[in-house]
């Protein structure tokens, strides 16, 4: 579709596209240009998506990285080292509880597994959908909110023009980069990010890196 802007599948071509994106962003936003110059080449890459990715995303909601990794490891072990829809659906309720999964999350994970088993091509169709259509499909899954769907688009589908308006960390990062006293609210972030098009995902990646480097240097 004409409104799909995604990273090329080949790494060499992706690097070229990301370099173009960084140059565009630097020219469009002098404050962001300083961040780009400090961080260097964009390291945004496409990661494997599908059922295992969303399974882990649901599992990690409202948990620390360490706790999420521990519980995910237990669930992988319970599934015989391969998390598939069939194996998840075969687990008794006790297996989820023993792994530390809450009842609501267990229901979400079972729902995701039922969808993936009932519609094996669900994830294969997502790359052909526009950004908003793909987000609509993903958020129709119980337990998947818009932010999770947007992260899937950026990091699994390689979509280049996604702006997660509900991400408070991006609000704060944008405010800091632009020397604003208060965090940038969604309406203002939309206006601020207008010059970043069609590479708002790349700008978001740089803002995440900006936050990480600031934390590391604190």
N, C-alpha and C. Protein backbone atom coordinates (compact mmCIF):
# COMPACT_ATOMS: atom_id res chain seq x y z
N UNK A 1 0.84 -1.20 0.00
CA UNK A 1 0.00 0.00 0.00
C UNK A 1 0.88 1.25 0.00
N UNK A 2 0.38 2.32 -0.54
CA UNK A 2 1.18 3.53 -0.75
C UNK A 2 1.56 4.24 0.54
N UNK A 3 0.79 4.03 1.61
CA UNK A 3 1.09 4.75 2.85
C UNK A 3 1.95 3.95 3.80
N UNK A 4 2.55 2.87 3.32
CA UNK A 4 3.43 2.06 4.16
C UNK A 4 4.88 2.50 3.94
N UNK A 5 5.52 2.93 5.03
CA UNK A 5 6.93 3.31 4.98
C UNK A 5 7.66 2.43 5.98
N UNK A 6 8.44 1.49 5.46
CA UNK A 6 9.09 0.52 6.34
C UNK A 6 10.55 0.33 5.95
N UNK A 7 11.33 -0.15 6.91
CA UNK A 7 12.73 -0.46 6.65
C UNK A 7 12.82 -1.58 5.61
N UNK A 8 13.76 -1.48 4.67
CA UNK A 8 14.00 -2.59 3.75
C UNK A 8 14.44 -3.83 4.51
N UNK A 9 14.19 -4.98 3.94
CA UNK A 9 14.53 -6.24 4.61
C UNK A 9 16.04 -6.43 4.73
N UNK A 10 16.81 -5.98 3.74
CA UNK A 10 18.26 -6.17 3.77
C UNK A 10 18.93 -5.12 4.64
N UNK A 11 19.88 -5.57 5.46
CA UNK A 11 20.53 -4.67 6.42
C UNK A 11 21.24 -3.51 5.74
N UNK A 12 21.91 -3.79 4.61
CA UNK A 12 22.65 -2.73 3.92
C UNK A 12 21.70 -1.65 3.42
N UNK A 13 20.58 -2.06 2.85
CA UNK A 13 19.60 -1.10 2.37
C UNK A 13 18.94 -0.37 3.54
N UNK A 14 18.75 -1.08 4.64
CA UNK A 14 18.16 -0.46 5.82
C UNK A 14 19.08 0.63 6.36
N UNK A 15 20.38 0.36 6.38
CA UNK A 15 21.35 1.35 6.88
C UNK A 15 21.31 2.61 6.03
N UNK A 16 21.18 2.44 4.73
CA UNK A 16 21.09 3.60 3.83
C UNK A 16 19.84 4.41 4.12
N UNK A 17 18.74 3.71 4.32
CA UNK A 17 17.47 4.40 4.59
C UNK A 17 17.53 5.14 5.92
N UNK A 18 18.14 4.53 6.90
CA UNK A 18 18.25 5.16 8.22
C UNK A 18 19.18 6.37 8.17
N UNK A 19 20.22 6.30 7.35
CA UNK A 19 21.11 7.45 7.19
C UNK A 19 20.34 8.61 6.54
N UNK A 20 19.50 8.29 5.57
CA UNK A 20 18.65 9.32 4.94
C UNK A 20 17.71 9.93 5.98
N UNK A 21 17.15 9.07 6.82
CA UNK A 21 16.23 9.53 7.86
C UNK A 21 16.93 10.46 8.84
N UNK A 22 18.13 10.08 9.27
CA UNK A 22 18.87 10.91 10.21
C UNK A 22 19.22 12.26 9.60
N UNK A 23 19.57 12.27 8.32
CA UNK A 23 19.88 13.52 7.65
C UNK A 23 18.64 14.41 7.55
N UNK A 24 17.52 13.80 7.25
CA UNK A 24 16.26 14.56 7.17
C UNK A 24 15.91 15.17 8.52
N UNK A 25 16.01 14.36 9.58
CA UNK A 25 15.67 14.84 10.92
C UNK A 25 16.62 15.94 11.38
N UNK A 26 17.89 15.81 11.06
CA UNK A 26 18.87 16.82 11.45
C UNK A 26 18.59 18.15 10.78
N UNK A 27 18.18 18.08 9.52
CA UNK A 27 17.86 19.32 8.79
C UNK A 27 16.55 19.93 9.27
N UNK A 28 15.62 19.07 9.68
CA UNK A 28 14.28 19.54 10.05
C UNK A 28 14.21 20.07 11.48
N UNK A 29 15.08 19.58 12.38
CA UNK A 29 14.99 19.92 13.80
C UNK A 29 16.39 20.10 14.38
N UNK A 30 16.88 21.34 14.48
CA UNK A 30 18.24 21.59 14.97
C UNK A 30 18.51 21.01 16.36
N UNK A 31 17.50 21.01 17.25
CA UNK A 31 17.70 20.46 18.60
C UNK A 31 17.88 18.94 18.53
N UNK A 32 17.06 18.31 17.72
CA UNK A 32 17.20 16.86 17.55
C UNK A 32 18.51 16.54 16.84
N UNK A 33 18.96 17.44 15.97
CA UNK A 33 20.23 17.24 15.28
C UNK A 33 21.38 17.08 16.26
N UNK A 34 21.33 17.80 17.37
CA UNK A 34 22.38 17.69 18.39
C UNK A 34 22.40 16.29 19.00
N UNK A 35 21.22 15.75 19.24
CA UNK A 35 21.11 14.39 19.79
C UNK A 35 21.65 13.38 18.78
N UNK A 36 21.27 13.54 17.53
CA UNK A 36 21.71 12.62 16.48
C UNK A 36 23.23 12.65 16.33
N UNK A 37 23.81 13.85 16.37
CA UNK A 37 25.26 13.98 16.24
C UNK A 37 25.98 13.30 17.40
N UNK A 38 25.40 13.40 18.59
CA UNK A 38 26.02 12.81 19.78
C UNK A 38 25.91 11.29 19.78
N UNK A 39 24.75 10.77 19.37
CA UNK A 39 24.51 9.33 19.43
C UNK A 39 25.11 8.59 18.24
N UNK A 40 25.06 9.22 17.09
CA UNK A 40 25.64 8.60 15.90
C UNK A 40 24.60 7.86 15.07
N UNK A 41 25.03 6.93 14.22
CA UNK A 41 24.12 6.23 13.31
C UNK A 41 22.97 5.54 14.04
N UNK A 42 21.83 5.55 13.42
CA UNK A 42 20.64 4.93 14.02
C UNK A 42 20.77 3.41 14.00
N UNK A 43 20.51 2.80 15.14
CA UNK A 43 20.61 1.35 15.27
C UNK A 43 19.26 0.64 15.23
N UNK A 44 18.24 1.31 14.72
CA UNK A 44 16.91 0.68 14.64
C UNK A 44 16.97 -0.53 13.72
N UNK A 45 16.50 -1.66 14.20
CA UNK A 45 16.49 -2.89 13.41
C UNK A 45 15.14 -3.58 13.56
N UNK A 46 14.80 -4.35 12.55
CA UNK A 46 13.57 -5.15 12.61
C UNK A 46 13.86 -6.45 13.35
N UNK A 47 12.99 -6.78 14.29
CA UNK A 47 13.13 -8.01 15.07
C UNK A 47 12.00 -8.98 14.71
N UNK A 48 12.21 -10.26 14.93
CA UNK A 48 11.15 -11.23 14.64
C UNK A 48 9.87 -10.88 15.43
N UNK A 49 8.76 -10.98 14.76
CA UNK A 49 7.48 -10.66 15.40
C UNK A 49 6.65 -11.92 15.60
N UNK A 50 5.36 -11.77 15.43
CA UNK A 50 4.46 -12.91 15.55
C UNK A 50 4.05 -13.23 16.96
N UNK A 51 3.54 -14.43 17.13
CA UNK A 51 2.99 -14.86 18.42
C UNK A 51 3.98 -14.76 19.57
N UNK A 52 5.23 -15.26 19.45
CA UNK A 52 6.16 -15.20 20.60
C UNK A 52 6.42 -13.78 21.06
N UNK A 53 6.50 -12.85 20.13
CA UNK A 53 6.79 -11.46 20.48
C UNK A 53 5.65 -10.85 21.31
N UNK A 54 4.42 -11.04 20.85
CA UNK A 54 3.29 -10.47 21.59
C UNK A 54 3.03 -11.21 22.89
N UNK A 55 3.31 -12.51 22.90
CA UNK A 55 3.21 -13.29 24.13
C UNK A 55 4.10 -12.67 25.20
N UNK A 56 5.34 -12.37 24.82
CA UNK A 56 6.29 -11.79 25.78
C UNK A 56 5.88 -10.36 26.14
N UNK A 57 5.34 -9.62 25.18
CA UNK A 57 4.92 -8.24 25.46
C UNK A 57 3.81 -8.20 26.50
N UNK A 58 2.82 -9.09 26.36
CA UNK A 58 1.73 -9.15 27.34
C UNK A 58 2.28 -9.58 28.70
N UNK A 59 3.15 -10.57 28.68
CA UNK A 59 3.71 -11.10 29.92
C UNK A 59 4.47 -10.03 30.70
N UNK A 60 5.12 -9.12 29.98
CA UNK A 60 5.97 -8.13 30.63
C UNK A 60 5.27 -6.86 31.07
N UNK A 61 3.98 -6.75 30.79
CA UNK A 61 3.26 -5.52 31.14
C UNK A 61 3.25 -5.28 32.64
N UNK A 62 3.58 -4.05 33.03
CA UNK A 62 3.56 -3.61 34.44
C UNK A 62 4.53 -4.39 35.32
N UNK A 63 5.60 -4.91 34.71
CA UNK A 63 6.63 -5.62 35.46
C UNK A 63 7.99 -5.01 35.16
N UNK A 64 8.92 -5.17 36.08
CA UNK A 64 10.29 -4.75 35.82
C UNK A 64 10.88 -5.68 34.76
N UNK A 65 11.95 -5.24 34.12
CA UNK A 65 12.59 -6.06 33.09
C UNK A 65 13.04 -7.40 33.68
N UNK A 66 13.61 -7.34 34.89
CA UNK A 66 14.10 -8.56 35.53
C UNK A 66 12.97 -9.53 35.85
N UNK A 67 11.87 -9.01 36.43
CA UNK A 67 10.74 -9.87 36.78
C UNK A 67 10.11 -10.48 35.53
N UNK A 68 9.98 -9.66 34.48
CA UNK A 68 9.38 -10.14 33.23
C UNK A 68 10.23 -11.27 32.64
N UNK A 69 11.56 -11.09 32.67
CA UNK A 69 12.46 -12.11 32.12
C UNK A 69 12.36 -13.42 32.90
N UNK A 70 12.23 -13.31 34.22
CA UNK A 70 12.12 -14.50 35.07
C UNK A 70 10.84 -15.27 34.76
N UNK A 71 9.73 -14.54 34.70
CA UNK A 71 8.44 -15.20 34.45
C UNK A 71 8.39 -15.77 33.04
N UNK A 72 8.96 -15.03 32.09
CA UNK A 72 8.99 -15.55 30.72
C UNK A 72 9.80 -16.84 30.66
N UNK A 73 10.92 -16.89 31.36
CA UNK A 73 11.72 -18.12 31.40
C UNK A 73 10.94 -19.29 31.96
N UNK A 74 10.15 -19.04 32.99
CA UNK A 74 9.33 -20.11 33.56
C UNK A 74 8.28 -20.59 32.57
N UNK A 75 7.68 -19.65 31.84
CA UNK A 75 6.66 -20.03 30.87
C UNK A 75 7.26 -20.80 29.70
N UNK A 76 8.45 -20.39 29.28
CA UNK A 76 9.13 -21.13 28.21
C UNK A 76 9.40 -22.57 28.66
N UNK A 77 9.85 -22.72 29.90
CA UNK A 77 10.12 -24.06 30.43
C UNK A 77 8.83 -24.88 30.52
N UNK A 78 7.74 -24.21 30.95
CA UNK A 78 6.46 -24.92 31.06
C UNK A 78 5.97 -25.38 29.70
N UNK A 79 6.35 -24.65 28.65
CA UNK A 79 5.93 -24.99 27.29
C UNK A 79 6.90 -25.95 26.60
N UNK A 80 7.86 -26.45 27.34
CA UNK A 80 8.82 -27.37 26.74
C UNK A 80 9.84 -26.68 25.86
N UNK A 81 10.21 -25.45 26.25
CA UNK A 81 11.24 -24.65 25.56
C UNK A 81 10.81 -24.12 24.20
N UNK A 82 9.53 -24.18 23.88
CA UNK A 82 9.03 -23.60 22.63
C UNK A 82 7.63 -23.05 22.88
N UNK A 83 7.51 -21.72 22.86
CA UNK A 83 6.22 -21.09 23.12
C UNK A 83 5.42 -21.05 21.83
N UNK A 84 4.46 -21.94 21.72
CA UNK A 84 3.58 -21.99 20.55
C UNK A 84 2.14 -21.88 21.03
N UNK A 85 1.22 -21.47 20.16
CA UNK A 85 -0.19 -21.38 20.57
C UNK A 85 -0.72 -22.70 21.12
N UNK A 86 -0.36 -23.80 20.46
CA UNK A 86 -0.86 -25.11 20.88
C UNK A 86 -0.37 -25.48 22.29
N UNK A 87 0.90 -25.21 22.56
CA UNK A 87 1.46 -25.56 23.86
C UNK A 87 0.92 -24.66 24.97
N UNK A 88 0.70 -23.39 24.64
CA UNK A 88 0.13 -22.48 25.64
C UNK A 88 -1.28 -22.92 26.00
N UNK A 89 -2.07 -23.28 24.99
CA UNK A 89 -3.45 -23.69 25.24
C UNK A 89 -3.53 -25.03 25.97
N UNK A 90 -2.48 -25.83 25.87
CA UNK A 90 -2.48 -27.13 26.54
C UNK A 90 -2.11 -27.02 28.02
N UNK A 91 -1.60 -25.85 28.44
CA UNK A 91 -1.19 -25.68 29.83
C UNK A 91 -2.40 -25.59 30.76
N UNK A 92 -2.34 -26.24 31.91
CA UNK A 92 -3.40 -26.07 32.91
C UNK A 92 -3.27 -24.71 33.59
N UNK A 93 -4.34 -24.25 34.19
CA UNK A 93 -4.33 -22.95 34.86
C UNK A 93 -3.24 -22.89 35.92
N UNK A 94 -2.96 -24.02 36.54
CA UNK A 94 -1.95 -24.05 37.61
C UNK A 94 -0.57 -23.68 37.08
N UNK A 95 -0.28 -24.02 35.83
CA UNK A 95 1.05 -23.74 35.25
C UNK A 95 1.29 -22.24 35.16
N UNK A 96 0.24 -21.49 34.82
CA UNK A 96 0.38 -20.04 34.76
C UNK A 96 0.63 -19.46 36.16
N UNK A 97 -0.16 -19.95 37.10
CA UNK A 97 -0.01 -19.45 38.47
C UNK A 97 1.38 -19.79 39.03
N UNK A 98 1.86 -21.00 38.78
CA UNK A 98 3.17 -21.40 39.27
C UNK A 98 4.29 -20.55 38.66
N UNK A 99 4.07 -20.08 37.44
CA UNK A 99 5.08 -19.25 36.77
C UNK A 99 5.04 -17.80 37.25
N UNK A 100 3.97 -17.44 37.99
CA UNK A 100 3.84 -16.07 38.46
C UNK A 100 2.99 -15.19 37.58
N UNK A 101 2.19 -15.81 36.70
CA UNK A 101 1.32 -15.06 35.80
C UNK A 101 -0.04 -14.83 36.47
N UNK A 102 -0.49 -13.59 36.49
CA UNK A 102 -1.78 -13.29 37.10
C UNK A 102 -2.92 -13.87 36.28
N UNK A 103 -4.09 -13.98 36.88
CA UNK A 103 -5.24 -14.54 36.16
C UNK A 103 -5.62 -13.71 34.93
N UNK A 104 -5.67 -12.36 35.04
CA UNK A 104 -6.00 -11.58 33.84
C UNK A 104 -4.99 -11.80 32.71
N UNK A 105 -3.70 -11.84 33.06
CA UNK A 105 -2.69 -12.05 32.02
C UNK A 105 -2.80 -13.45 31.42
N UNK A 106 -3.09 -14.43 32.25
CA UNK A 106 -3.27 -15.79 31.73
C UNK A 106 -4.42 -15.82 30.73
N UNK A 107 -5.48 -15.06 31.03
CA UNK A 107 -6.62 -14.99 30.11
C UNK A 107 -6.21 -14.32 28.80
N UNK A 108 -5.41 -13.24 28.89
CA UNK A 108 -4.94 -12.55 27.69
C UNK A 108 -4.06 -13.48 26.84
N UNK A 109 -3.17 -14.21 27.53
CA UNK A 109 -2.25 -15.09 26.80
C UNK A 109 -3.00 -16.23 26.12
N UNK A 110 -4.00 -16.76 26.79
CA UNK A 110 -4.80 -17.81 26.17
C UNK A 110 -5.58 -17.25 24.97
N UNK A 111 -6.08 -16.02 25.13
CA UNK A 111 -6.81 -15.40 24.03
C UNK A 111 -5.92 -15.19 22.82
N UNK A 112 -4.68 -14.74 23.06
CA UNK A 112 -3.72 -14.56 21.98
C UNK A 112 -3.43 -15.90 21.31
N UNK A 113 -3.25 -16.94 22.11
CA UNK A 113 -2.97 -18.27 21.57
C UNK A 113 -4.14 -18.79 20.74
N UNK A 114 -5.36 -18.55 21.21
CA UNK A 114 -6.54 -18.98 20.46
C UNK A 114 -6.63 -18.26 19.12
N UNK A 115 -6.32 -16.97 19.12
CA UNK A 115 -6.35 -16.21 17.87
C UNK A 115 -5.30 -16.76 16.90
N UNK A 116 -4.07 -16.97 17.39
CA UNK A 116 -2.98 -17.43 16.52
C UNK A 116 -3.26 -18.83 15.99
N UNK A 117 -3.88 -19.67 16.81
CA UNK A 117 -4.20 -21.03 16.34
C UNK A 117 -5.35 -21.00 15.35
N UNK A 118 -6.35 -20.16 15.62
CA UNK A 118 -7.52 -20.10 14.75
C UNK A 118 -7.28 -19.35 13.45
N UNK A 119 -6.30 -18.44 13.46
CA UNK A 119 -6.00 -17.64 12.26
C UNK A 119 -4.49 -17.64 12.07
N UNK A 120 -3.93 -18.72 11.54
CA UNK A 120 -2.47 -18.85 11.43
C UNK A 120 -1.80 -17.76 10.60
N UNK A 121 -2.54 -17.11 9.72
CA UNK A 121 -1.96 -16.09 8.84
C UNK A 121 -2.17 -14.67 9.38
N UNK A 122 -2.65 -14.55 10.60
CA UNK A 122 -2.92 -13.23 11.18
C UNK A 122 -1.67 -12.33 11.11
N UNK A 123 -0.55 -12.84 11.56
CA UNK A 123 0.68 -12.04 11.62
C UNK A 123 1.29 -11.84 10.23
N UNK A 124 1.05 -12.78 9.33
CA UNK A 124 1.57 -12.64 7.97
C UNK A 124 0.90 -11.50 7.22
N UNK A 125 -0.35 -11.21 7.58
CA UNK A 125 -1.08 -10.15 6.87
C UNK A 125 -0.72 -8.75 7.36
N UNK A 126 -0.22 -8.64 8.57
CA UNK A 126 0.05 -7.32 9.14
C UNK A 126 1.00 -6.46 8.29
N UNK A 127 2.09 -7.01 7.73
CA UNK A 127 3.00 -6.15 6.95
C UNK A 127 2.35 -5.51 5.74
N UNK A 128 1.24 -6.06 5.27
CA UNK A 128 0.58 -5.49 4.08
C UNK A 128 -0.43 -4.41 4.44
N UNK A 129 -0.67 -4.21 5.73
CA UNK A 129 -1.66 -3.23 6.17
C UNK A 129 -1.00 -1.87 6.41
N UNK A 130 -1.78 -0.81 6.30
CA UNK A 130 -1.31 0.53 6.67
C UNK A 130 -1.04 0.56 8.17
N UNK A 131 -0.35 1.59 8.62
CA UNK A 131 -0.03 1.69 10.04
C UNK A 131 -1.28 1.62 10.91
N UNK A 132 -2.26 2.45 10.60
CA UNK A 132 -3.47 2.50 11.44
C UNK A 132 -4.26 1.20 11.35
N UNK A 133 -4.31 0.60 10.18
CA UNK A 133 -5.04 -0.67 10.04
C UNK A 133 -4.34 -1.77 10.85
N UNK A 134 -3.02 -1.78 10.82
CA UNK A 134 -2.27 -2.78 11.60
C UNK A 134 -2.47 -2.56 13.09
N UNK A 135 -2.47 -1.30 13.51
CA UNK A 135 -2.70 -0.99 14.93
C UNK A 135 -4.10 -1.42 15.34
N UNK A 136 -5.08 -1.18 14.49
CA UNK A 136 -6.46 -1.60 14.78
C UNK A 136 -6.54 -3.11 14.96
N UNK A 137 -5.86 -3.85 14.09
CA UNK A 137 -5.88 -5.32 14.19
C UNK A 137 -5.24 -5.77 15.49
N UNK A 138 -4.11 -5.19 15.82
CA UNK A 138 -3.39 -5.61 17.02
C UNK A 138 -4.13 -5.25 18.29
N UNK A 139 -4.72 -4.06 18.34
CA UNK A 139 -5.42 -3.64 19.56
C UNK A 139 -6.78 -4.33 19.70
N UNK A 140 -7.20 -5.06 18.68
CA UNK A 140 -8.42 -5.86 18.82
C UNK A 140 -8.17 -7.10 19.68
N UNK A 141 -6.89 -7.40 19.93
CA UNK A 141 -6.51 -8.53 20.78
C UNK A 141 -6.58 -8.10 22.24
N UNK A 142 -7.29 -8.85 23.04
CA UNK A 142 -7.42 -8.53 24.46
C UNK A 142 -6.04 -8.52 25.11
N UNK A 143 -5.72 -7.42 25.80
CA UNK A 143 -4.42 -7.30 26.46
C UNK A 143 -3.39 -6.52 25.67
N UNK A 144 -3.71 -6.17 24.42
CA UNK A 144 -2.78 -5.39 23.59
C UNK A 144 -3.33 -3.97 23.46
N UNK A 145 -2.61 -3.00 24.04
CA UNK A 145 -3.00 -1.60 23.93
C UNK A 145 -2.30 -0.93 22.77
N UNK A 146 -2.61 0.34 22.55
CA UNK A 146 -2.06 1.05 21.41
C UNK A 146 -0.53 1.14 21.48
N UNK A 147 0.02 1.41 22.68
CA UNK A 147 1.47 1.55 22.79
C UNK A 147 2.18 0.26 22.39
N UNK A 148 1.68 -0.88 22.88
CA UNK A 148 2.27 -2.17 22.52
C UNK A 148 2.20 -2.39 21.02
N UNK A 149 1.06 -2.03 20.43
CA UNK A 149 0.90 -2.17 18.98
C UNK A 149 1.89 -1.27 18.23
N UNK A 150 2.06 -0.05 18.72
CA UNK A 150 3.00 0.87 18.07
C UNK A 150 4.44 0.37 18.17
N UNK A 151 4.81 -0.21 19.30
CA UNK A 151 6.15 -0.77 19.44
C UNK A 151 6.34 -1.95 18.49
N UNK A 152 5.30 -2.72 18.29
CA UNK A 152 5.36 -3.84 17.35
C UNK A 152 5.59 -3.31 15.93
N UNK A 153 4.89 -2.24 15.59
CA UNK A 153 5.07 -1.66 14.25
C UNK A 153 6.49 -1.15 14.05
N UNK A 154 7.03 -0.46 15.06
CA UNK A 154 8.36 0.11 14.91
C UNK A 154 9.43 -0.97 14.89
N UNK A 155 9.40 -1.87 15.86
CA UNK A 155 10.52 -2.79 16.06
C UNK A 155 10.36 -4.15 15.38
N UNK A 156 9.16 -4.50 14.95
CA UNK A 156 8.97 -5.78 14.26
C UNK A 156 8.62 -5.58 12.78
N UNK A 157 7.77 -4.61 12.49
CA UNK A 157 7.40 -4.35 11.10
C UNK A 157 8.30 -3.29 10.45
N UNK A 158 9.13 -2.63 11.27
CA UNK A 158 10.04 -1.65 10.72
C UNK A 158 9.38 -0.40 10.17
N UNK A 159 8.20 -0.08 10.69
CA UNK A 159 7.49 1.11 10.19
C UNK A 159 8.24 2.37 10.62
N UNK A 160 8.41 3.29 9.69
CA UNK A 160 9.29 4.44 9.90
C UNK A 160 8.60 5.71 10.36
N UNK A 161 7.29 5.73 10.37
CA UNK A 161 6.60 6.98 10.69
C UNK A 161 5.54 6.80 11.78
N UNK A 162 5.92 6.14 12.86
CA UNK A 162 5.01 5.90 13.98
C UNK A 162 5.41 6.82 15.14
N UNK A 163 4.43 7.49 15.72
CA UNK A 163 4.67 8.38 16.85
C UNK A 163 3.81 7.93 18.03
N UNK A 164 4.41 7.34 19.07
CA UNK A 164 3.63 6.86 20.22
C UNK A 164 3.24 8.01 21.15
N UNK A 165 2.10 8.61 20.88
CA UNK A 165 1.66 9.80 21.62
C UNK A 165 1.38 9.51 23.09
N UNK A 166 1.13 8.26 23.43
CA UNK A 166 0.83 7.92 24.81
C UNK A 166 2.04 7.57 25.65
N UNK A 167 3.22 7.70 25.09
CA UNK A 167 4.45 7.31 25.79
C UNK A 167 5.00 8.51 26.56
N UNK A 168 4.86 8.48 27.88
CA UNK A 168 5.29 9.59 28.72
C UNK A 168 6.80 9.82 28.61
N UNK A 169 7.56 8.75 28.43
CA UNK A 169 9.01 8.92 28.31
C UNK A 169 9.38 9.74 27.08
N UNK A 170 8.61 9.58 26.01
CA UNK A 170 8.85 10.38 24.80
C UNK A 170 8.43 11.83 25.04
N UNK A 171 7.35 12.04 25.79
CA UNK A 171 6.95 13.41 26.15
C UNK A 171 8.10 14.10 26.89
N UNK A 172 8.65 13.40 27.88
CA UNK A 172 9.72 13.99 28.69
C UNK A 172 11.00 14.22 27.89
N UNK A 173 11.33 13.24 27.04
CA UNK A 173 12.54 13.37 26.23
C UNK A 173 12.43 14.54 25.25
N UNK A 174 11.28 14.67 24.61
CA UNK A 174 11.09 15.76 23.66
C UNK A 174 11.18 17.11 24.37
N UNK A 175 10.61 17.19 25.58
CA UNK A 175 10.69 18.43 26.35
C UNK A 175 12.13 18.76 26.70
N UNK A 176 12.88 17.77 27.14
CA UNK A 176 14.27 18.00 27.51
C UNK A 176 15.12 18.44 26.33
N UNK A 177 14.95 17.77 25.20
CA UNK A 177 15.73 18.10 24.01
C UNK A 177 15.44 19.51 23.53
N UNK A 178 14.18 19.94 23.67
CA UNK A 178 13.79 21.27 23.17
C UNK A 178 13.80 22.35 24.25
N UNK A 179 14.35 22.01 25.41
CA UNK A 179 14.52 23.00 26.46
C UNK A 179 13.23 23.51 27.06
N UNK A 180 12.22 22.66 27.11
CA UNK A 180 10.92 23.05 27.67
C UNK A 180 10.86 22.64 29.14
N UNK A 181 10.19 23.45 29.95
CA UNK A 181 10.14 23.18 31.40
C UNK A 181 9.21 22.03 31.74
N UNK A 182 8.14 21.89 30.99
CA UNK A 182 7.18 20.82 31.27
C UNK A 182 7.23 19.79 30.16
N UNK A 183 6.80 18.56 30.52
CA UNK A 183 6.77 17.52 29.50
C UNK A 183 5.78 17.89 28.40
N UNK A 184 6.07 17.44 27.22
CA UNK A 184 5.26 17.77 26.05
C UNK A 184 4.02 16.88 26.03
N UNK A 185 2.85 17.48 26.03
CA UNK A 185 1.60 16.72 25.98
C UNK A 185 1.32 16.30 24.53
N UNK A 186 0.43 15.30 24.32
CA UNK A 186 0.22 14.75 22.98
C UNK A 186 -0.04 15.77 21.87
N UNK A 187 -0.90 16.77 22.12
CA UNK A 187 -1.19 17.74 21.07
C UNK A 187 0.06 18.50 20.65
N UNK A 188 0.83 18.92 21.64
CA UNK A 188 2.05 19.67 21.32
C UNK A 188 3.09 18.76 20.69
N UNK A 189 3.17 17.52 21.14
CA UNK A 189 4.11 16.57 20.55
C UNK A 189 3.78 16.34 19.07
N UNK A 190 2.50 16.26 18.76
CA UNK A 190 2.08 16.09 17.36
C UNK A 190 2.58 17.24 16.51
N UNK A 191 2.44 18.46 17.02
CA UNK A 191 2.92 19.63 16.28
C UNK A 191 4.44 19.64 16.19
N UNK A 192 5.08 19.33 17.30
CA UNK A 192 6.54 19.32 17.36
C UNK A 192 7.13 18.30 16.39
N UNK A 193 6.43 17.18 16.25
CA UNK A 193 6.93 16.08 15.43
C UNK A 193 6.57 16.20 13.96
N UNK A 194 5.80 17.21 13.61
CA UNK A 194 5.38 17.34 12.21
C UNK A 194 6.57 17.41 11.25
N UNK A 195 7.64 18.17 11.58
CA UNK A 195 8.80 18.20 10.66
C UNK A 195 9.55 16.88 10.57
N UNK A 196 9.32 15.98 11.52
CA UNK A 196 10.02 14.71 11.51
C UNK A 196 9.49 13.75 10.45
N UNK A 197 8.26 13.98 9.98
CA UNK A 197 7.69 13.09 8.97
C UNK A 197 8.59 13.04 7.74
N UNK A 198 8.71 11.89 7.08
CA UNK A 198 8.05 10.60 7.35
C UNK A 198 8.93 9.64 8.16
N UNK A 199 9.71 10.19 9.10
CA UNK A 199 10.64 9.37 9.87
C UNK A 199 10.45 9.55 11.37
N UNK A 200 9.21 9.64 11.82
CA UNK A 200 8.98 9.86 13.25
C UNK A 200 9.45 8.68 14.09
N UNK A 201 9.40 7.47 13.56
CA UNK A 201 9.90 6.31 14.32
C UNK A 201 11.40 6.44 14.60
N UNK A 202 12.12 6.97 13.64
CA UNK A 202 13.57 7.15 13.81
C UNK A 202 13.84 8.22 14.87
N UNK A 203 13.05 9.27 14.85
CA UNK A 203 13.16 10.30 15.89
C UNK A 203 12.88 9.69 17.26
N UNK A 204 11.87 8.85 17.34
CA UNK A 204 11.53 8.18 18.60
C UNK A 204 12.70 7.31 19.07
N UNK A 205 13.32 6.59 18.14
CA UNK A 205 14.48 5.76 18.51
C UNK A 205 15.58 6.64 19.11
N UNK A 206 15.85 7.79 18.51
CA UNK A 206 16.88 8.68 19.04
C UNK A 206 16.49 9.24 20.40
N UNK A 207 15.21 9.51 20.60
CA UNK A 207 14.77 10.01 21.90
C UNK A 207 14.92 8.94 22.98
N UNK A 208 14.62 7.68 22.64
CA UNK A 208 14.84 6.59 23.60
C UNK A 208 16.33 6.47 23.94
N UNK A 209 17.18 6.56 22.92
CA UNK A 209 18.62 6.48 23.15
C UNK A 209 19.10 7.66 24.00
N UNK A 210 18.53 8.82 23.75
CA UNK A 210 18.86 10.02 24.53
C UNK A 210 18.55 9.79 26.02
N UNK A 211 17.39 9.22 26.29
CA UNK A 211 17.02 8.92 27.68
C UNK A 211 17.98 7.90 28.30
N UNK A 212 18.30 6.87 27.54
CA UNK A 212 19.18 5.82 28.07
C UNK A 212 20.58 6.34 28.38
N UNK A 213 21.12 7.16 27.48
CA UNK A 213 22.46 7.70 27.72
C UNK A 213 22.46 8.67 28.89
N UNK A 214 21.38 9.42 29.05
CA UNK A 214 21.29 10.33 30.20
C UNK A 214 21.23 9.56 31.52
N UNK A 215 20.48 8.44 31.52
CA UNK A 215 20.39 7.61 32.72
C UNK A 215 21.74 7.01 33.05
N UNK A 216 22.42 6.53 32.00
CA UNK A 216 23.73 5.89 32.21
C UNK A 216 24.75 6.88 32.75
N UNK A 217 24.60 8.15 32.37
CA UNK A 217 25.55 9.16 32.82
C UNK A 217 25.18 9.81 34.12
N UNK A 218 23.99 9.46 34.64
CA UNK A 218 23.52 10.09 35.88
C UNK A 218 24.31 9.60 37.09
